[in-house]
Amino acid sequence: MATPGSVTQEVDTDADDLVKLEALHSHPLYNLPTPPLSDGDWLLKVRTKKKEEERSTQQ
């Protein structure tokens, strides 16, 4: 049996943590489908350099 704080106990704990983390990420509630972005969701869209250049020339 491993003594508290030994390398063997740390490896076992890390393996247990990894198994729990994998189970969490494979759970259906963690992997909910995201709805598509609509045209009104402008906060979540990424601006391209081309659009930024067009805006700077218009001002």
PDB file of N, CA and C in Angstrom:
ATOM      1  N   MET A   1       0.839  -1.177   0.000  1.00  0.00           N
ATOM      2  CA  MET A   1       0.000   0.000   0.000  1.00  0.00           C
ATOM      3  C   MET A   1       0.881   1.235   0.000  1.00  0.00           C
ATOM      4  N   ALA A   2       0.478   2.264  -0.749  1.00  0.00           N
ATOM      5  CA  ALA A   2       1.267   3.488  -0.868  1.00  0.00           C
ATOM      6  C   ALA A   2       1.058   4.373   0.349  1.00  0.00           C
ATOM      7  N   THR A   3       2.133   5.016   0.725  1.00  0.00           N
ATOM      8  CA  THR A   3       2.029   5.945   1.851  1.00  0.00           C
ATOM      9  C   THR A   3       1.474   7.267   1.357  1.00  0.00           C
ATOM     10  N   PRO A   4       0.802   8.028   2.231  1.00  0.00           N
ATOM     11  CA  PRO A   4       0.255   9.323   1.806  1.00  0.00           C
ATOM     12  C   PRO A   4       1.351  10.235   1.267  1.00  0.00           C
ATOM     13  N   GLY A   5       1.079  10.838   0.124  1.00  0.00           N
ATOM     14  CA  GLY A   5       2.040  11.739  -0.487  1.00  0.00           C
ATOM     15  C   GLY A   5       3.060  11.043  -1.370  1.00  0.00           C
ATOM     16  N   SER A   6       2.961   9.745  -1.542  1.00  0.00           N
ATOM     17  CA  SER A   6       3.930   9.035  -2.375  1.00  0.00           C
ATOM     18  C   SER A   6       3.592   9.231  -3.850  1.00  0.00           C
ATOM     19  N   VAL A   7       4.554   8.916  -4.689  1.00  0.00           N
ATOM     20  CA  VAL A   7       4.382   9.080  -6.132  1.00  0.00           C
ATOM     21  C   VAL A   7       3.263   8.191  -6.650  1.00  0.00           C
ATOM     22  N   THR A   8       3.150   6.978  -6.140  1.00  0.00           N
ATOM     23  CA  THR A   8       2.114   6.043  -6.585  1.00  0.00           C
ATOM     24  C   THR A   8       0.729   6.597  -6.310  1.00  0.00           C
ATOM     25  N   GLN A   9       0.539   7.183  -5.148  1.00  0.00           N
ATOM     26  CA  GLN A   9      -0.771   7.739  -4.807  1.00  0.00           C
ATOM     27  C   GLN A   9      -1.084   8.942  -5.693  1.00  0.00           C
ATOM     28  N   GLU A  10      -0.085   9.771  -6.010  1.00  0.00           N
ATOM     29  CA  GLU A  10      -0.302  10.930  -6.871  1.00  0.00           C
ATOM     30  C   GLU A  10      -0.694  10.499  -8.272  1.00  0.00           C
ATOM     31  N   VAL A  11      -0.076   9.449  -8.801  1.00  0.00           N
ATOM     32  CA  VAL A  11      -0.403   8.947 -10.136  1.00  0.00           C
ATOM     33  C   VAL A  11      -1.821   8.398 -10.153  1.00  0.00           C
ATOM     34  N   ASP A  12      -2.205   7.658  -9.115  1.00  0.00           N
ATOM     35  CA  ASP A  12      -3.565   7.129  -9.033  1.00  0.00           C
ATOM     36  C   ASP A  12      -4.580   8.263  -8.985  1.00  0.00           C
ATOM     37  N   THR A  13      -4.294   9.303  -8.219  1.00  0.00           N
ATOM     38  CA  THR A  13      -5.204  10.439  -8.111  1.00  0.00           C
ATOM     39  C   THR A  13      -5.323  11.158  -9.447  1.00  0.00           C
ATOM     40  N   ASP A  14      -4.213  11.345 -10.147  1.00  0.00           N
ATOM     41  CA  ASP A  14      -4.248  11.997 -11.451  1.00  0.00           C
ATOM     42  C   ASP A  14      -5.058  11.177 -12.450  1.00  0.00           C
ATOM     43  N   ALA A  15      -4.920   9.864 -12.413  1.00  0.00           N
ATOM     44  CA  ALA A  15      -5.675   8.999 -13.318  1.00  0.00           C
ATOM     45  C   ALA A  15      -7.166   9.068 -13.006  1.00  0.00           C
ATOM     46  N   ASP A  16      -7.519   9.092 -11.726  1.00  0.00           N
ATOM     47  CA  ASP A  16      -8.927   9.206 -11.337  1.00  0.00           C
ATOM     48  C   ASP A  16      -9.502  10.547 -11.791  1.00  0.00           C
ATOM     49  N   ASP A  17      -8.718  11.615 -11.639  1.00  0.00           N
ATOM     50  CA  ASP A  17      -9.177  12.936 -12.065  1.00  0.00           C
ATOM     51  C   ASP A  17      -9.388  12.980 -13.573  1.00  0.00           C
ATOM     52  N   LEU A  18      -8.504  12.339 -14.318  1.00  0.00           N
ATOM     53  CA  LEU A  18      -8.628  12.310 -15.769  1.00  0.00           C
ATOM     54  C   LEU A  18      -9.881  11.556 -16.201  1.00  0.00           C
ATOM     55  N   VAL A  19     -10.179  10.457 -15.541  1.00  0.00           N
ATOM     56  CA  VAL A  19     -11.382   9.678 -15.851  1.00  0.00           C
ATOM     57  C   VAL A  19     -12.630  10.517 -15.579  1.00  0.00           C
ATOM     58  N   LYS A  20     -12.641  11.234 -14.472  1.00  0.00           N
ATOM     59  CA  LYS A  20     -13.790  12.082 -14.136  1.00  0.00           C
ATOM     60  C   LYS A  20     -13.944  13.209 -15.152  1.00  0.00           C
ATOM     61  N   LEU A  21     -12.835  13.798 -15.574  1.00  0.00           N
ATOM     62  CA  LEU A  21     -12.887  14.881 -16.544  1.00  0.00           C
ATOM     63  C   LEU A  21     -13.390  14.385 -17.896  1.00  0.00           C
ATOM     64  N   GLU A  22     -12.939  13.213 -18.319  1.00  0.00           N
ATOM     65  CA  GLU A  22     -13.418  12.636 -19.575  1.00  0.00           C
ATOM     66  C   GLU A  22     -14.909  12.322 -19.502  1.00  0.00           C
ATOM     67  N   ALA A  23     -15.377  11.838 -18.364  1.00  0.00           N
ATOM     68  CA  ALA A  23     -16.802  11.546 -18.200  1.00  0.00           C
ATOM     69  C   ALA A  23     -17.622  12.832 -18.258  1.00  0.00           C
ATOM     70  N   LEU A  24     -17.100  13.897 -17.688  1.00  0.00           N
ATOM     71  CA  LEU A  24     -17.800  15.183 -17.721  1.00  0.00           C
ATOM     72  C   LEU A  24     -17.946  15.679 -19.149  1.00  0.00           C
ATOM     73  N   HIS A  25     -16.863  15.639 -19.912  1.00  0.00           N
ATOM     74  CA  HIS A  25     -16.898  16.161 -21.278  1.00  0.00           C
ATOM     75  C   HIS A  25     -17.690  15.278 -22.234  1.00  0.00           C
ATOM     76  N   SER A  26     -17.905  14.029 -21.907  1.00  0.00           N
ATOM     77  CA  SER A  26     -18.700  13.166 -22.777  1.00  0.00           C
ATOM     78  C   SER A  26     -20.174  13.157 -22.383  1.00  0.00           C
ATOM     79  N   HIS A  27     -20.535  13.839 -21.305  1.00  0.00           N
ATOM     80  CA  HIS A  27     -21.920  13.872 -20.836  1.00  0.00           C
ATOM     81  C   HIS A  27     -22.782  14.675 -21.812  1.00  0.00           C
ATOM     82  N   PRO A  28     -24.006  14.219 -22.103  1.00  0.00           N
ATOM     83  CA  PRO A  28     -24.874  14.915 -23.063  1.00  0.00           C
ATOM     84  C   PRO A  28     -25.203  16.359 -22.675  1.00  0.00           C
ATOM     85  N   LEU A  29     -25.318  16.656 -21.404  1.00  0.00           N
ATOM     86  CA  LEU A  29     -25.630  18.030 -21.013  1.00  0.00           C
ATOM     87  C   LEU A  29     -24.464  18.982 -21.258  1.00  0.00           C
ATOM     88  N   TYR A  30     -23.264  18.464 -21.301  1.00  0.00           N
ATOM     89  CA  TYR A  30     -22.091  19.292 -21.573  1.00  0.00           C
ATOM     90  C   TYR A  30     -21.971  19.580 -23.063  1.00  0.00           C
ATOM     91  N   ASN A  31     -22.543  18.723 -23.892  1.00  0.00           N
ATOM     92  CA  ASN A  31     -22.420  18.838 -25.348  1.00  0.00           C
ATOM     93  C   ASN A  31     -23.740  19.236 -25.992  1.00  0.00           C
ATOM     94  N   LEU A  32     -24.377  20.261 -25.485  1.00  0.00           N
ATOM     95  CA  LEU A  32     -25.631  20.728 -26.062  1.00  0.00           C
ATOM     96  C   LEU A  32     -25.365  21.383 -27.414  1.00  0.00           C
ATOM     97  N   PRO A  33     -26.244  21.172 -28.382  1.00  0.00           N
ATOM     98  CA  PRO A  33     -26.048  21.826 -29.679  1.00  0.00           C
ATOM     99  C   PRO A  33     -26.271  23.327 -29.549  1.00  0.00           C
ATOM    100  N   THR A  34     -25.458  24.092 -30.240  1.00  0.00           N
ATOM    101  CA  THR A  34     -25.609  25.547 -30.205  1.00  0.00           C
ATOM    102  C   THR A  34     -26.452  25.982 -31.396  1.00  0.00           C
ATOM    103  N   PRO A  35     -27.358  26.923 -31.192  1.00  0.00           N
ATOM    104  CA  PRO A  35     -28.182  27.389 -32.306  1.00  0.00           C
ATOM    105  C   PRO A  35     -27.332  28.216 -33.272  1.00  0.00           C
ATOM    106  N   PRO A  36     -27.716  28.246 -34.542  1.00  0.00           N
ATOM    107  CA  PRO A  36     -26.952  29.046 -35.506  1.00  0.00           C
ATOM    108  C   PRO A  36     -27.118  30.537 -35.214  1.00  0.00           C
ATOM    109  N   LEU A  37     -26.121  31.323 -35.572  1.00  0.00           N
ATOM    110  CA  LEU A  37     -26.181  32.767 -35.364  1.00  0.00           C
ATOM    111  C   LEU A  37     -27.099  33.399 -36.398  1.00  0.00           C
ATOM    112  N   SER A  38     -27.943  34.286 -35.947  1.00  0.00           N
ATOM    113  CA  SER A  38     -28.808  35.009 -36.880  1.00  0.00           C
ATOM    114  C   SER A  38     -28.139  36.325 -37.249  1.00  0.00           C
ATOM    115  N   ASP A  39     -28.724  37.050 -38.198  1.00  0.00           N
ATOM    116  CA  ASP A  39     -28.153  38.327 -38.621  1.00  0.00           C
ATOM    117  C   ASP A  39     -28.187  39.359 -37.504  1.00  0.00           C
ATOM    118  N   GLY A  40     -29.100  39.202 -36.547  1.00  0.00           N
ATOM    119  CA  GLY A  40     -29.204  40.152 -35.452  1.00  0.00           C
ATOM    120  C   GLY A  40     -28.156  39.958 -34.369  1.00  0.00           C
ATOM    121  N   ASP A  41     -27.428  38.859 -34.400  1.00  0.00           N
ATOM    122  CA  ASP A  41     -26.405  38.586 -33.385  1.00  0.00           C
ATOM    123  C   ASP A  41     -25.063  39.186 -33.800  1.00  0.00           C
ATOM    124  N   TRP A  42     -24.981  40.487 -33.853  1.00  0.00           N
ATOM    125  CA  TRP A  42     -23.768  41.137 -34.340  1.00  0.00           C
ATOM    126  C   TRP A  42     -22.640  41.130 -33.313  1.00  0.00           C
ATOM    127  N   LEU A  43     -22.951  40.923 -32.040  1.00  0.00           N
ATOM    128  CA  LEU A  43     -21.899  40.896 -31.025  1.00  0.00           C
ATOM    129  C   LEU A  43     -21.019  39.654 -31.133  1.00  0.00           C
ATOM    130  N   LEU A  44     -21.556  38.582 -31.681  1.00  0.00           N
ATOM    131  CA  LEU A  44     -20.824  37.325 -31.737  1.00  0.00           C
ATOM    132  C   LEU A  44     -20.120  37.097 -33.071  1.00  0.00           C
ATOM    133  N   LYS A  45     -20.236  38.035 -33.989  1.00  0.00           N
ATOM    134  CA  LYS A  45     -19.606  37.877 -35.294  1.00  0.00           C
ATOM    135  C   LYS A  45     -18.194  38.454 -35.271  1.00  0.00           C
ATOM    136  N   VAL A  46     -17.331  37.881 -36.080  1.00  0.00           N
ATOM    137  CA  VAL A  46     -15.946  38.332 -36.180  1.00  0.00           C
ATOM    138  C   VAL A  46     -15.834  39.282 -37.357  1.00  0.00           C
ATOM    139  N   ARG A  47     -15.223  40.431 -37.102  1.00  0.00           N
ATOM    140  CA  ARG A  47     -15.017  41.385 -38.185  1.00  0.00           C
ATOM    141  C   ARG A  47     -13.807  40.969 -39.016  1.00  0.00           C
ATOM    142  N   THR A  48     -13.939  41.139 -40.314  1.00  0.00           N
ATOM    143  CA  THR A  48     -12.806  40.867 -41.193  1.00  0.00           C
ATOM    144  C   THR A  48     -12.084  42.172 -41.481  1.00  0.00           C
ATOM    145  N   LYS A  49     -10.847  42.098 -41.896  1.00  0.00           N
ATOM    146  CA  LYS A  49     -10.073  43.304 -42.192  1.00  0.00           C
ATOM    147  C   LYS A  49     -10.696  44.076 -43.349  1.00  0.00           C
ATOM    148  N   LYS A  50     -11.262  43.363 -44.309  1.00  0.00           N
ATOM    149  CA  LYS A  50     -11.855  44.012 -45.471  1.00  0.00           C
ATOM    150  C   LYS A  50     -12.998  44.922 -45.039  1.00  0.00           C
ATOM    151  N   LYS A  51     -13.865  44.446 -44.152  1.00  0.00           N
ATOM    152  CA  LYS A  51     -14.981  45.259 -43.681  1.00  0.00           C
ATOM    153  C   LYS A  51     -14.488  46.437 -42.852  1.00  0.00           C
ATOM    154  N   GLU A  52     -13.432  46.246 -42.066  1.00  0.00           N
ATOM    155  CA  GLU A  52     -12.888  47.340 -41.266  1.00  0.00           C
ATOM    156  C   GLU A  52     -12.295  48.416 -42.163  1.00  0.00           C
ATOM    157  N   GLU A  53     -11.625  48.017 -43.246  1.00  0.00           N
ATOM    158  CA  GLU A  53     -11.057  48.986 -44.179  1.00  0.00           C
ATOM    159  C   GLU A  53     -12.161  49.771 -44.878  1.00  0.00           C
ATOM    160  N   GLU A  54     -13.261  49.113 -45.235  1.00  0.00           N
ATOM    161  CA  GLU A  54     -14.382  49.799 -45.871  1.00  0.00           C
ATOM    162  C   GLU A  54     -14.984  50.829 -44.928  1.00  0.00           C
ATOM    163  N   ARG A  55     -15.109  50.488 -43.669  1.00  0.00           N
ATOM    164  CA  ARG A  55     -15.676  51.414 -42.692  1.00  0.00           C
ATOM    165  C   ARG A  55     -14.762  52.610 -42.467  1.00  0.00           C
ATOM    166  N   SER A  56     -13.453  52.399 -42.433  1.00  0.00           N
ATOM    167  CA  SER A  56     -12.528  53.504 -42.188  1.00  0.00           C
ATOM    168  C   SER A  56     -12.493  54.464 -43.373  1.00  0.00           C
ATOM    169  N   THR A  57     -12.693  53.984 -44.599  1.00  0.00           N
ATOM    170  CA  THR A  57     -12.705  54.863 -45.763  1.00  0.00           C
ATOM    171  C   THR A  57     -14.022  55.617 -45.873  1.00  0.00           C
ATOM    172  N   GLN A  58     -15.092  55.086 -45.301  1.00  0.00           N
ATOM    173  CA  GLN A  58     -16.390  55.752 -45.359  1.00  0.00           C
ATOM    174  C   GLN A  58     -16.481  56.902 -44.366  1.00  0.00           C
ATOM    175  N   GLN A  59     -15.682  56.890 -43.332  1.00  0.00           N
ATOM    176  CA  GLN A  59     -15.804  57.918 -42.289  1.00  0.00           C
ATOM    177  C   GLN A  59     -15.112  59.178 -42.637  1.00  0.00           C
TER     178      GLN A  59
END
